[in-house]
C-alpha atoms as a PDB file:
ATOM      1  CA  MET A   1      83.421 182.809 118.322  1.00  0.00           C
ATOM      2  CA  GLN A   2      87.067 182.803 119.357  1.00  0.00           C
ATOM      3  CA  THR A   3      86.813 186.414 120.529  1.00  0.00           C
ATOM      4  CA  GLY A   4      83.743 185.558 122.609  1.00  0.00           C
ATOM      5  CA  THR A   5      85.523 182.606 124.213  1.00  0.00           C
ATOM      6  CA  MET A   6      88.541 184.759 125.070  1.00  0.00           C
ATOM      7  CA  GLN A   7      86.264 187.353 126.634  1.00  0.00           C
ATOM      8  CA  LEU A   8      84.535 184.704 128.761  1.00  0.00           C
ATOM      9  CA  LEU A   9      87.914 183.362 129.920  1.00  0.00           C
ATOM     10  CA  LYS A  10      89.039 186.856 130.886  1.00  0.00           C
ATOM     11  CA  GLU A  11      85.827 187.418 132.828  1.00  0.00           C
ATOM     12  CA  PHE A  12      86.213 184.044 134.550  1.00  0.00           C
ATOM     13  CA  ASP A  13      89.839 184.782 135.454  1.00  0.00           C
ATOM     14  CA  SER A  14      88.866 188.192 136.816  1.00  0.00           C
ATOM     15  CA  LYS A  15      86.114 186.618 138.934  1.00  0.00           C
ATOM     16  CA  VAL A  16      88.508 184.029 140.385  1.00  0.00           C
ATOM     17  CA  ARG A  17      90.988 186.754 141.324  1.00  0.00           C
ATOM     18  CA  GLN A  18      88.259 188.828 142.962  1.00  0.00           C
ATOM     19  CA  ILE A  19      86.910 185.920 145.031  1.00  0.00           C
ATOM     20  CA  ALA A  20      90.432 185.055 146.185  1.00  0.00           C
ATOM     21  CA  ARG A  21      91.154 188.672 147.072  1.00  0.00           C
ATOM     22  CA  ASP A  22      87.905 189.015 149.007  1.00  0.00           C
ATOM     23  CA  GLY A  23      88.783 185.860 150.931  1.00  0.00           C
ATOM     24  CA  ILE A  24      92.231 186.988 151.977  1.00  0.00           C
ATOM     25  CA  VAL A  25      91.056 190.504 152.846  1.00  0.00           C
ATOM     26  CA  ALA A  26      88.426 188.970 155.155  1.00  0.00           C
ATOM     27  CA  LEU A  27      91.216 187.003 156.842  1.00  0.00           C
ATOM     28  CA  GLU A  28      93.374 190.112 157.187  1.00  0.00           C
ATOM     29  CA  GLU A  29      90.551 192.040 158.815  1.00  0.00           C
ATOM     30  CA  HIS A  30      89.802 189.191 161.220  1.00  0.00           C
ATOM     31  CA  LEU A  31      93.423 188.932 162.411  1.00  0.00           C
ATOM     32  CA  ASP A  32      94.469 192.568 161.894  1.00  0.00           C
ATOM     33  CA  ALA A  33      97.398 191.277 159.851  1.00  0.00           C
ATOM     34  CA  ASP A  34      98.773 191.170 156.356  1.00  0.00           C
ATOM     35  CA  ALA A  35      98.048 187.709 154.973  1.00  0.00           C
ATOM     36  CA  ALA A  36      99.649 185.372 152.452  1.00  0.00           C
ATOM     37  CA  PHE A  37      98.838 181.961 151.003  1.00  0.00           C
ATOM     38  CA  PHE A  38     101.676 179.464 150.505  1.00  0.00           C
ATOM     39  CA  TYR A  39     101.109 176.200 148.629  1.00  0.00           C
ATOM     40  CA  GLY A  40     103.665 173.633 147.508  1.00  0.00           C
ATOM     41  CA  PRO A  41     107.139 172.260 148.240  1.00  0.00           C
ATOM     42  CA  ILE A  42     109.910 174.368 149.761  1.00  0.00           C
ATOM     43  CA  TYR A  43     112.999 174.372 147.542  1.00  0.00           C
ATOM     44  CA  PRO A  44     115.825 176.886 146.811  1.00  0.00           C
ATOM     45  CA  SER A  45     114.282 178.091 143.525  1.00  0.00           C
ATOM     46  CA  LEU A  46     111.542 179.697 145.620  1.00  0.00           C
ATOM     47  CA  GLU A  47     113.737 182.102 147.580  1.00  0.00           C
ATOM     48  CA  LYS A  48     113.871 185.142 145.259  1.00  0.00           C
ATOM     49  CA  ILE A  49     110.235 184.752 144.246  1.00  0.00           C
ATOM     50  CA  PHE A  50     109.219 184.663 147.901  1.00  0.00           C
ATOM     51  CA  ARG A  51     111.417 187.683 148.708  1.00  0.00           C
ATOM     52  CA  ASP A  52     109.690 189.767 146.024  1.00  0.00           C
ATOM     53  CA  PHE A  53     106.294 188.430 147.087  1.00  0.00           C
ATOM     54  CA  ILE A  54     106.768 189.495 150.730  1.00  0.00           C
ATOM     55  CA  GLU A  55     108.357 192.838 149.817  1.00  0.00           C
ATOM     56  CA  ASP A  56     105.409 193.653 147.568  1.00  0.00           C
ATOM     57  CA  LEU A  57     102.951 192.858 150.355  1.00  0.00           C
ATOM     58  CA  ASN A  58     104.829 194.750 153.048  1.00  0.00           C
ATOM     59  CA  ASN A  59     105.541 197.850 150.985  1.00  0.00           C
ATOM     60  CA  ASP A  60     102.021 198.661 149.819  1.00  0.00           C
ATOM     61  CA  GLY A  61     101.278 200.935 152.760  1.00  0.00           C
ATOM     62  CA  SER A  62      99.188 198.830 155.158  1.00  0.00           C
ATOM     63  CA  GLY A  63     101.607 199.570 158.005  1.00  0.00           C
ATOM     64  CA  ARG A  64     100.896 196.240 159.689  1.00  0.00           C
ATOM     65  CA  GLU A  65     103.674 194.533 161.638  1.00  0.00           C
ATOM     66  CA  ARG A  66     101.917 191.154 161.779  1.00  0.00           C
ATOM     67  CA  LEU A  67     101.852 188.560 158.997  1.00  0.00           C
ATOM     68  CA  ALA A  68      99.525 185.543 158.789  1.00  0.00           C
ATOM     69  CA  ILE A  69     100.570 182.755 156.418  1.00  0.00           C
ATOM     70  CA  VAL A  70      98.063 180.138 155.296  1.00  0.00           C
ATOM     71  CA  ILE A  71     100.328 177.201 154.474  1.00  0.00           C
ATOM     72  CA  ASN A  72      99.834 173.873 152.730  1.00  0.00           C
ATOM     73  CA  SER A  73     103.150 172.127 152.052  1.00  0.00           C
ATOM     74  CA  PRO A  74     104.577 168.596 151.788  1.00  0.00           C
ATOM     75  CA  GLY A  75     107.986 169.870 152.937  1.00  0.00           C
ATOM     76  CA  GLY A  76     111.359 170.312 151.307  1.00  0.00           C
ATOM     77  CA  SER A  77     114.674 171.938 152.199  1.00  0.00           C
ATOM     78  CA  ALA A  78     115.425 173.079 155.759  1.00  0.00           C
ATOM     79  CA  GLU A  79     118.045 175.504 154.406  1.00  0.00           C
ATOM     80  CA  THR A  80     115.377 177.157 152.270  1.00  0.00           C
ATOM     81  CA  VAL A  81     113.048 177.411 155.256  1.00  0.00           C
ATOM     82  CA  GLU A  82     115.770 179.275 157.136  1.00  0.00           C
ATOM     83  CA  LYS A  83     116.037 181.802 154.300  1.00  0.00           C
ATOM     84  CA  LEU A  84     112.253 182.252 154.092  1.00  0.00           C
ATOM     85  CA  VAL A  85     112.093 182.912 157.832  1.00  0.00           C
ATOM     86  CA  ASP A  86     114.888 185.494 157.509  1.00  0.00           C
ATOM     87  CA  ILE A  87     112.872 187.253 154.782  1.00  0.00           C
ATOM     88  CA  ILE A  88     109.663 187.282 156.800  1.00  0.00           C
ATOM     89  CA  ARG A  89     111.257 188.432 160.034  1.00  0.00           C
ATOM     90  CA  TYR A  90     113.044 191.298 158.288  1.00  0.00           C
ATOM     91  CA  HIS A  91     109.640 192.778 157.436  1.00  0.00           C
ATOM     92  CA  TYR A  92     107.329 191.602 160.261  1.00  0.00           C
ATOM     93  CA  ASN A  93     107.654 191.522 164.049  1.00  0.00           C
ATOM     94  CA  GLU A  94     104.930 188.938 164.564  1.00  0.00           C
ATOM     95  CA  VAL A  95     104.075 185.935 162.388  1.00  0.00           C
ATOM     96  CA  TYR A  96     101.106 183.556 162.519  1.00  0.00           C
ATOM     97  CA  PHE A  97     100.855 180.269 160.614  1.00  0.00           C
ATOM     98  CA  ILE A  98      97.423 178.908 159.707  1.00  0.00           C
ATOM     99  CA  ILE A  99      97.187 175.253 158.680  1.00  0.00           C
ATOM    100  CA  PRO A 100      93.835 174.337 157.133  1.00  0.00           C
ATOM    101  CA  ASP A 101      95.167 170.988 155.842  1.00  0.00           C
ATOM    102  CA  GLU A 102      98.818 170.082 156.452  1.00  0.00           C
ATOM    103  CA  ALA A 103     102.341 171.426 156.716  1.00  0.00           C
ATOM    104  CA  MET A 104     104.685 168.436 156.696  1.00  0.00           C
ATOM    105  CA  SER A 105     108.406 167.931 157.259  1.00  0.00           C
ATOM    106  CA  ALA A 106     110.110 171.238 156.346  1.00  0.00           C
ATOM    107  CA  GLY A 107     106.623 172.756 156.292  1.00  0.00           C
ATOM    108  CA  THR A 108     106.403 171.858 159.987  1.00  0.00           C
ATOM    109  CA  ILE A 109     109.759 173.526 160.603  1.00  0.00           C
ATOM    110  CA  PHE A 110     108.442 176.629 158.818  1.00  0.00           C
ATOM    111  CA  ALA A 111     105.252 176.687 160.906  1.00  0.00           C
ATOM    112  CA  LEU A 112     107.193 176.285 164.160  1.00  0.00           C
ATOM    113  CA  SER A 113     109.036 179.531 163.421  1.00  0.00           C
ATOM    114  CA  GLY A 114     105.787 181.407 164.068  1.00  0.00           C
ATOM    115  CA  ASP A 115     104.591 183.210 167.167  1.00  0.00           C
ATOM    116  CA  LYS A 116     101.269 181.373 166.887  1.00  0.00           C
ATOM    117  CA  ILE A 117     100.040 178.310 165.010  1.00  0.00           C
ATOM    118  CA  PHE A 118      96.345 178.041 164.111  1.00  0.00           C
ATOM    119  CA  MET A 119      94.887 174.577 163.429  1.00  0.00           C
ATOM    120  CA  ASP A 120      91.568 172.808 163.660  1.00  0.00           C
ATOM    121  CA  TYR A 121      90.781 169.175 164.377  1.00  0.00           C
ATOM    122  CA  THR A 122      91.507 168.142 160.764  1.00  0.00           C
ATOM    123  CA  SER A 123      94.868 169.957 160.443  1.00  0.00           C
ATOM    124  CA  SER A 124      98.236 168.204 160.583  1.00  0.00           C
ATOM    125  CA  LEU A 125     101.913 168.840 161.109  1.00  0.00           C
ATOM    126  CA  GLY A 126     104.478 166.095 160.544  1.00  0.00           C
ATOM    127  CA  PRO A 127     107.817 164.695 161.714  1.00  0.00           C
ATOM    128  CA  ILE A 128     110.670 167.018 160.800  1.00  0.00           C
ATOM    129  CA  ASP A 129     112.500 164.915 158.238  1.00  0.00           C
ATOM    130  CA  PRO A 130     114.329 167.405 155.976  1.00  0.00           C
ATOM    131  CA  GLN A 131     114.909 166.523 152.339  1.00  0.00           C
ATOM    132  CA  VAL A 132     118.371 166.552 150.778  1.00  0.00           C
ATOM    133  CA  HIS A 133     119.165 166.493 147.060  1.00  0.00           C
ATOM    134  CA  ASN A 134     121.323 163.465 146.278  1.00  0.00           C
ATOM    135  CA  GLY A 135     122.198 164.634 142.767  1.00  0.00           C
ATOM    136  CA  LYS A 136     119.122 163.022 141.210  1.00  0.00           C
ATOM    137  CA  GLU A 137     116.173 163.712 143.476  1.00  0.00           C
ATOM    138  CA  TRP A 138     115.122 165.048 146.871  1.00  0.00           C
ATOM    139  CA  VAL A 139     115.165 162.334 149.541  1.00  0.00           C
ATOM    140  CA  PRO A 140     114.233 162.337 153.265  1.00  0.00           C
ATOM    141  CA  ALA A 141     117.447 162.445 155.286  1.00  0.00           C
ATOM    142  CA  LEU A 142     116.275 160.630 158.419  1.00  0.00           C
ATOM    143  CA  GLY A 143     115.173 157.546 156.495  1.00  0.00           C
ATOM    144  CA  TYR A 144     118.714 157.041 155.211  1.00  0.00           C
ATOM    145  CA  LEU A 145     120.285 157.665 158.614  1.00  0.00           C
ATOM    146  CA  ASP A 146     117.902 155.216 160.284  1.00  0.00           C
ATOM    147  CA  GLN A 147     118.714 152.459 157.794  1.00  0.00           C
ATOM    148  CA  VAL A 148     122.458 152.981 158.176  1.00  0.00           C
ATOM    149  CA  GLU A 149     122.096 152.901 161.961  1.00  0.00           C
ATOM    150  CA  LYS A 150     120.189 149.610 161.742  1.00  0.00           C
ATOM    151  CA  MET A 151     122.838 148.020 159.520  1.00  0.00           C
ATOM    152  CA  ILE A 152     125.646 149.184 161.805  1.00  0.00           C
ATOM    153  CA  GLN A 153     123.836 147.686 164.774  1.00  0.00           C
ATOM    154  CA  LYS A 154     123.314 144.412 162.882  1.00  0.00           C
ATOM    155  CA  SER A 155     127.019 144.396 162.042  1.00  0.00           C
ATOM    156  CA  SER A 156     127.886 144.811 165.742  1.00  0.00           C
ATOM    157  CA  ASP A 157     125.577 141.896 166.545  1.00  0.00           C
ATOM    158  CA  GLY A 158     127.063 139.718 163.795  1.00  0.00           C
ATOM    159  CA  LEU A 159     123.758 139.649 161.899  1.00  0.00           C
ATOM    160  CA  LEU A 160     124.645 141.708 158.844  1.00  0.00           C
ATOM    161  CA  THR A 161     123.831 139.975 155.545  1.00  0.00           C
ATOM    162  CA  ASP A 162     126.195 139.940 152.561  1.00  0.00           C
ATOM    163  CA  ALA A 163     123.805 142.198 150.651  1.00  0.00           C
ATOM    164  CA  GLU A 164     123.750 144.727 153.506  1.00  0.00           C
ATOM    165  CA  LEU A 165     127.543 144.609 153.720  1.00  0.00           C
ATOM    166  CA  VAL A 166     127.756 145.557 150.042  1.00  0.00           C
ATOM    167  CA  ILE A 167     125.364 148.464 150.652  1.00  0.00           C
ATOM    168  CA  LEU A 168     127.446 149.733 153.571  1.00  0.00           C
ATOM    169  CA  GLN A 169     130.691 149.449 151.605  1.00  0.00           C
ATOM    170  CA  ASN A 170     129.203 151.491 148.749  1.00  0.00           C
ATOM    171  CA  LEU A 171     127.730 154.284 150.839  1.00  0.00           C
ATOM    172  CA  ASP A 172     128.657 157.797 149.791  1.00  0.00           C
ATOM    173  CA  LEU A 173     130.118 159.140 153.034  1.00  0.00           C
ATOM    174  CA  ALA A 174     129.859 162.732 151.817  1.00  0.00           C
ATOM    175  CA  MET A 175     126.103 162.324 151.237  1.00  0.00           C
ATOM    176  CA  LEU A 176     125.733 160.564 154.581  1.00  0.00           C
ATOM    177  CA  SER A 177     127.399 163.572 156.186  1.00  0.00           C
ATOM    178  CA  ARG A 178     124.932 165.875 154.418  1.00  0.00           C
ATOM    179  CA  TYR A 179     122.023 163.862 155.797  1.00  0.00           C
ATOM    180  CA  GLU A 180     123.448 164.159 159.299  1.00  0.00           C
ATOM    181  CA  GLN A 181     123.990 167.896 158.850  1.00  0.00           C
ATOM    182  CA  ALA A 182     120.405 168.348 157.632  1.00  0.00           C
ATOM    183  CA  LYS A 183     119.100 166.555 160.728  1.00  0.00           C
ATOM    184  CA  ASN A 184     121.254 168.684 163.035  1.00  0.00           C
ATOM    185  CA  LEU A 185     120.210 171.877 161.247  1.00  0.00           C
ATOM    186  CA  THR A 186     116.508 171.188 161.762  1.00  0.00           C
ATOM    187  CA  ILE A 187     117.002 170.629 165.476  1.00  0.00           C
ATOM    188  CA  THR A 188     119.174 173.750 165.783  1.00  0.00           C
ATOM    189  CA  LEU A 189     116.637 175.913 163.946  1.00  0.00           C
ATOM    190  CA  LEU A 190     113.719 174.706 166.041  1.00  0.00           C
ATOM    191  CA  LYS A 191     115.600 175.237 169.291  1.00  0.00           C
ATOM    192  CA  GLU A 192     116.330 178.820 168.243  1.00  0.00           C
ATOM    193  CA  TRP A 193     112.919 179.703 166.804  1.00  0.00           C
ATOM    194  CA  LEU A 194     110.764 178.080 169.466  1.00  0.00           C
ATOM    195  CA  VAL A 195     112.553 179.970 172.227  1.00  0.00           C
ATOM    196  CA  LYS A 196     112.700 183.269 170.339  1.00  0.00           C
ATOM    197  CA  TYR A 197     109.164 183.312 168.920  1.00  0.00           C
ATOM    198  CA  LYS A 198     106.789 180.540 170.000  1.00  0.00           C
ATOM    199  CA  PHE A 199     107.815 180.672 173.666  1.00  0.00           C
ATOM    200  CA  CYS A 200     108.211 184.455 173.741  1.00  0.00           C
ATOM    201  CA  ASN A 201     105.058 184.979 175.810  1.00  0.00           C
ATOM    202  CA  TRP A 202     105.401 181.802 177.885  1.00  0.00           C
ATOM    203  CA  LYS A 203     105.945 183.513 181.217  1.00  0.00           C
ATOM    204  CA  GLN A 204     104.570 181.106 183.836  1.00  0.00           C
ATOM    205  CA  HIS A 205     104.251 177.345 184.189  1.00  0.00           C
ATOM    206  CA  GLN A 206     100.674 176.230 183.577  1.00  0.00           C
ATOM    207  CA  ASN A 207     100.690 172.412 183.472  1.00  0.00           C
ATOM    208  CA  ASP A 208     103.448 171.064 185.721  1.00  0.00           C
ATOM    209  CA  PRO A 209     101.764 170.595 189.148  1.00  0.00           C
ATOM    210  CA  GLU A 210     105.053 171.256 190.928  1.00  0.00           C
ATOM    211  CA  LYS A 211     105.716 174.517 189.088  1.00  0.00           C
ATOM    212  CA  ILE A 212     102.294 176.046 188.344  1.00  0.00           C
ATOM    213  CA  GLY A 213     102.516 179.821 188.727  1.00  0.00           C
ATOM    214  CA  GLN A 214     106.318 179.889 188.791  1.00  0.00           C
ATOM    215  CA  GLN A 215     108.269 181.958 186.277  1.00  0.00           C
ATOM    216  CA  VAL A 216     109.573 180.075 183.249  1.00  0.00           C
ATOM    217  CA  THR A 217     113.343 180.469 182.912  1.00  0.00           C
ATOM    218  CA  LEU A 218     115.258 180.838 179.657  1.00  0.00           C
ATOM    219  CA  GLU A 219     116.974 177.529 180.352  1.00  0.00           C
ATOM    220  CA  GLU A 220     113.603 175.801 180.766  1.00  0.00           C
ATOM    221  CA  LYS A 221     112.475 177.231 177.414  1.00  0.00           C
ATOM    222  CA  ARG A 222     115.638 175.911 175.787  1.00  0.00           C
ATOM    223  CA  GLU A 223     115.161 172.477 177.345  1.00  0.00           C
ATOM    224  CA  ARG A 224     111.541 172.304 176.172  1.00  0.00           C
ATOM    225  CA  ALA A 225     112.524 173.415 172.650  1.00  0.00           C
ATOM    226  CA  GLU A 226     115.232 170.737 172.424  1.00  0.00           C
ATOM    227  CA  TRP A 227     112.810 168.106 173.772  1.00  0.00           C
ATOM    228  CA  ILE A 228     110.228 168.981 171.102  1.00  0.00           C
ATOM    229  CA  ALA A 229     112.771 169.172 168.266  1.00  0.00           C
ATOM    230  CA  THR A 230     114.377 165.863 169.213  1.00  0.00           C
ATOM    231  CA  ARG A 231     111.062 164.024 169.356  1.00  0.00           C
ATOM    232  CA  LEU A 232     109.753 165.480 166.112  1.00  0.00           C
ATOM    233  CA  SER A 233     112.921 164.219 164.404  1.00  0.00           C
ATOM    234  CA  ASP A 234     112.730 160.706 165.906  1.00  0.00           C
ATOM    235  CA  ASN A 235     111.346 158.218 163.384  1.00  0.00           C
ATOM    236  CA  LYS A 236     111.170 155.585 166.120  1.00  0.00           C
ATOM    237  CA  ILE A 237     108.248 157.566 167.559  1.00  0.00           C
ATOM    238  CA  TRP A 238     106.363 158.353 164.356  1.00  0.00           C
ATOM    239  CA  HIS A 239     107.353 155.334 162.190  1.00  0.00           C
ATOM    240  CA  SER A 240     106.554 157.189 158.972  1.00  0.00           C
ATOM    241  CA  HIS A 241     107.856 160.236 157.109  1.00  0.00           C
ATOM    242  CA  GLY A 242     104.253 161.036 156.179  1.00  0.00           C
ATOM    243  CA  ARG A 243     102.735 160.586 159.647  1.00  0.00           C
ATOM    244  CA  LYS A 244     100.085 163.244 160.245  1.00  0.00           C
ATOM    245  CA  ILE A 245     100.296 164.759 163.725  1.00  0.00           C
ATOM    246  CA  GLY A 246      97.067 166.404 164.851  1.00  0.00           C
ATOM    247  CA  VAL A 247      96.185 169.071 167.381  1.00  0.00           C
ATOM    248  CA  ASN A 248      95.627 166.703 170.305  1.00  0.00           C
ATOM    249  CA  THR A 249      99.029 165.020 169.950  1.00  0.00           C
ATOM    250  CA  LEU A 250     100.787 168.350 169.494  1.00  0.00           C
ATOM    251  CA  GLN A 251      99.193 169.772 172.634  1.00  0.00           C
ATOM    252  CA  ASN A 252      99.040 166.737 174.913  1.00  0.00           C
ATOM    253  CA  TYR A 253     102.212 164.861 173.976  1.00  0.00           C
ATOM    254  CA  LEU A 254     104.551 167.540 172.630  1.00  0.00           C
ATOM    255  CA  LYS A 255     103.153 170.252 174.945  1.00  0.00           C
ATOM    256  CA  LEU A 256     102.939 172.780 172.114  1.00  0.00           C
ATOM    257  CA  LYS A 257     100.419 175.574 172.435  1.00  0.00           C
ATOM    258  CA  ILE A 258      98.158 175.516 169.374  1.00  0.00           C
ATOM    259  CA  GLU A 259      95.419 178.021 168.619  1.00  0.00           C
ATOM    260  CA  ASP A 260      92.638 175.485 167.991  1.00  0.00           C
ATOM    261  CA  TYR A 261      89.874 177.114 165.936  1.00  0.00           C
ATOM    262  CA  SER A 262      87.763 173.941 165.656  1.00  0.00           C
ATOM    263  CA  CYS A 263      84.916 175.527 167.622  1.00  0.00           C
ATOM    264  CA  ASP A 264      85.359 179.074 166.294  1.00  0.00           C
ATOM    265  CA  LEU A 265      82.831 178.674 163.505  1.00  0.00           C
ATOM    266  CA  ASP A 266      83.180 182.200 162.089  1.00  0.00           C
ATOM    267  CA  PHE A 267      86.964 181.977 161.823  1.00  0.00           C
ATOM    268  CA  ARG A 268      86.828 178.420 160.492  1.00  0.00           C
ATOM    269  CA  LYS A 269      84.425 179.533 157.764  1.00  0.00           C
ATOM    270  CA  ILE A 270      86.778 182.337 156.716  1.00  0.00           C
ATOM    271  CA  ILE A 271      89.739 179.954 156.551  1.00  0.00           C
ATOM    272  CA  ARG A 272      88.005 177.083 154.801  1.00  0.00           C
ATOM    273  CA  SER A 273      86.147 179.109 152.209  1.00  0.00           C
ATOM    274  CA  TYR A 274      89.341 180.923 151.205  1.00  0.00           C
ATOM    275  CA  SER A 275      91.735 177.973 151.397  1.00  0.00           C
ATOM    276  CA  GLU A 276      89.455 175.423 149.751  1.00  0.00           C
ATOM    277  CA  PHE A 277      88.608 177.806 146.924  1.00  0.00           C
ATOM    278  CA  LEU A 278      92.309 178.251 146.119  1.00  0.00           C
ATOM    279  CA  THR A 279      93.314 174.605 146.588  1.00  0.00           C
ATOM    280  CA  ASP A 280      90.493 173.541 144.292  1.00  0.00           C
ATOM    281  CA  TYR A 281      91.714 176.038 141.679  1.00  0.00           C
ATOM    282  CA  ILE A 282      95.302 174.787 142.123  1.00  0.00           C
ATOM    283  CA  ASN A 283      94.356 171.113 141.824  1.00  0.00           C
ATOM    284  CA  ARG A 284      92.145 171.618 138.764  1.00  0.00           C
ATOM    285  CA  HIS A 285      94.986 173.379 136.957  1.00  0.00           C
ATOM    286  CA  GLY A 286      97.719 170.973 138.097  1.00  0.00           C
ATOM    287  CA  ILE A 287      99.776 173.742 139.708  1.00  0.00           C
ATOM    288  CA  GLN A 288     102.751 172.581 141.814  1.00  0.00           C
ATOM    289  CA  SER A 289     103.516 175.823 143.681  1.00  0.00           C
ATOM    290  CA  PHE A 290     101.300 178.813 144.316  1.00  0.00           C
ATOM    291  CA  LEU A 291     101.589 182.092 146.214  1.00  0.00           C
ATOM    292  CA  HIS A 292      98.781 184.550 146.818  1.00  0.00           C
ATOM    293  CA  ASN A 293      98.253 187.817 148.661  1.00  0.00           C
ATOM    294  CA  ARG A 294      95.887 190.733 148.167  1.00  0.00           C
ATOM    295  CA  ASN A 295      98.175 192.128 145.426  1.00  0.00           C
ATOM    296  CA  TYR A 296      99.554 188.925 143.920  1.00  0.00           C
ATOM    297  CA  PHE A 297      97.836 186.077 142.058  1.00  0.00           C
END
């Protein structure tokens, strides 16, 4: 009986792997790209695993120079994102990010390092509020900075309460500096990556009535990148670390070009059937982090 159960489990596991592999191969063929699935938070412990994961995919002889990453992440460390981007760009000249559900916070930073971002009407990015480890847990940096700014302003206005004064007096200035550095790093990374990758093929103005048809200068790309990065990191705009920013807001307010596959039913079917199969498997097994490619499960 036990042997029969073990055999059934092996057959089930083999079937799951085959369905997942068929799904990602279909995606690769559609985009003419190597493809990878990334699920979970983005923290330093991931770096070596991700390096080996990408090396294994790139070195198996496909010869492709384009990578498509299906990402679902609540966020994490901006420093880790920088390392993951370095790894990817060492092996691939062109990178696409596909967001079936959401890529929040540092996941948004990761996605904005791509040449193209694919989303449909249900997909979300989020404000870029990097998380910093305070010695006990990972906390969103901008939330702390915003609260300190409010208390300083109340102090200037003579409205600071005794309780708030105690909080200010007991602040760890070294940690506060780390929060500020994390904020500055996210803006710096986005300014660099948007110009280098996302805006690479932005040659002519298309929306500004006064500039339509004119060549886009490098300085204009830098200004647009800084404008986007600054607004994505402004909690006064989004009001919530977990605010979900959809395609329409990204395109109409932030002026980001998004590859909207809402009406591309064939492509949407490929993405959803693959992604939802894996996320269902992940959720049923209580898995926190998960990577998948055609060679790795």
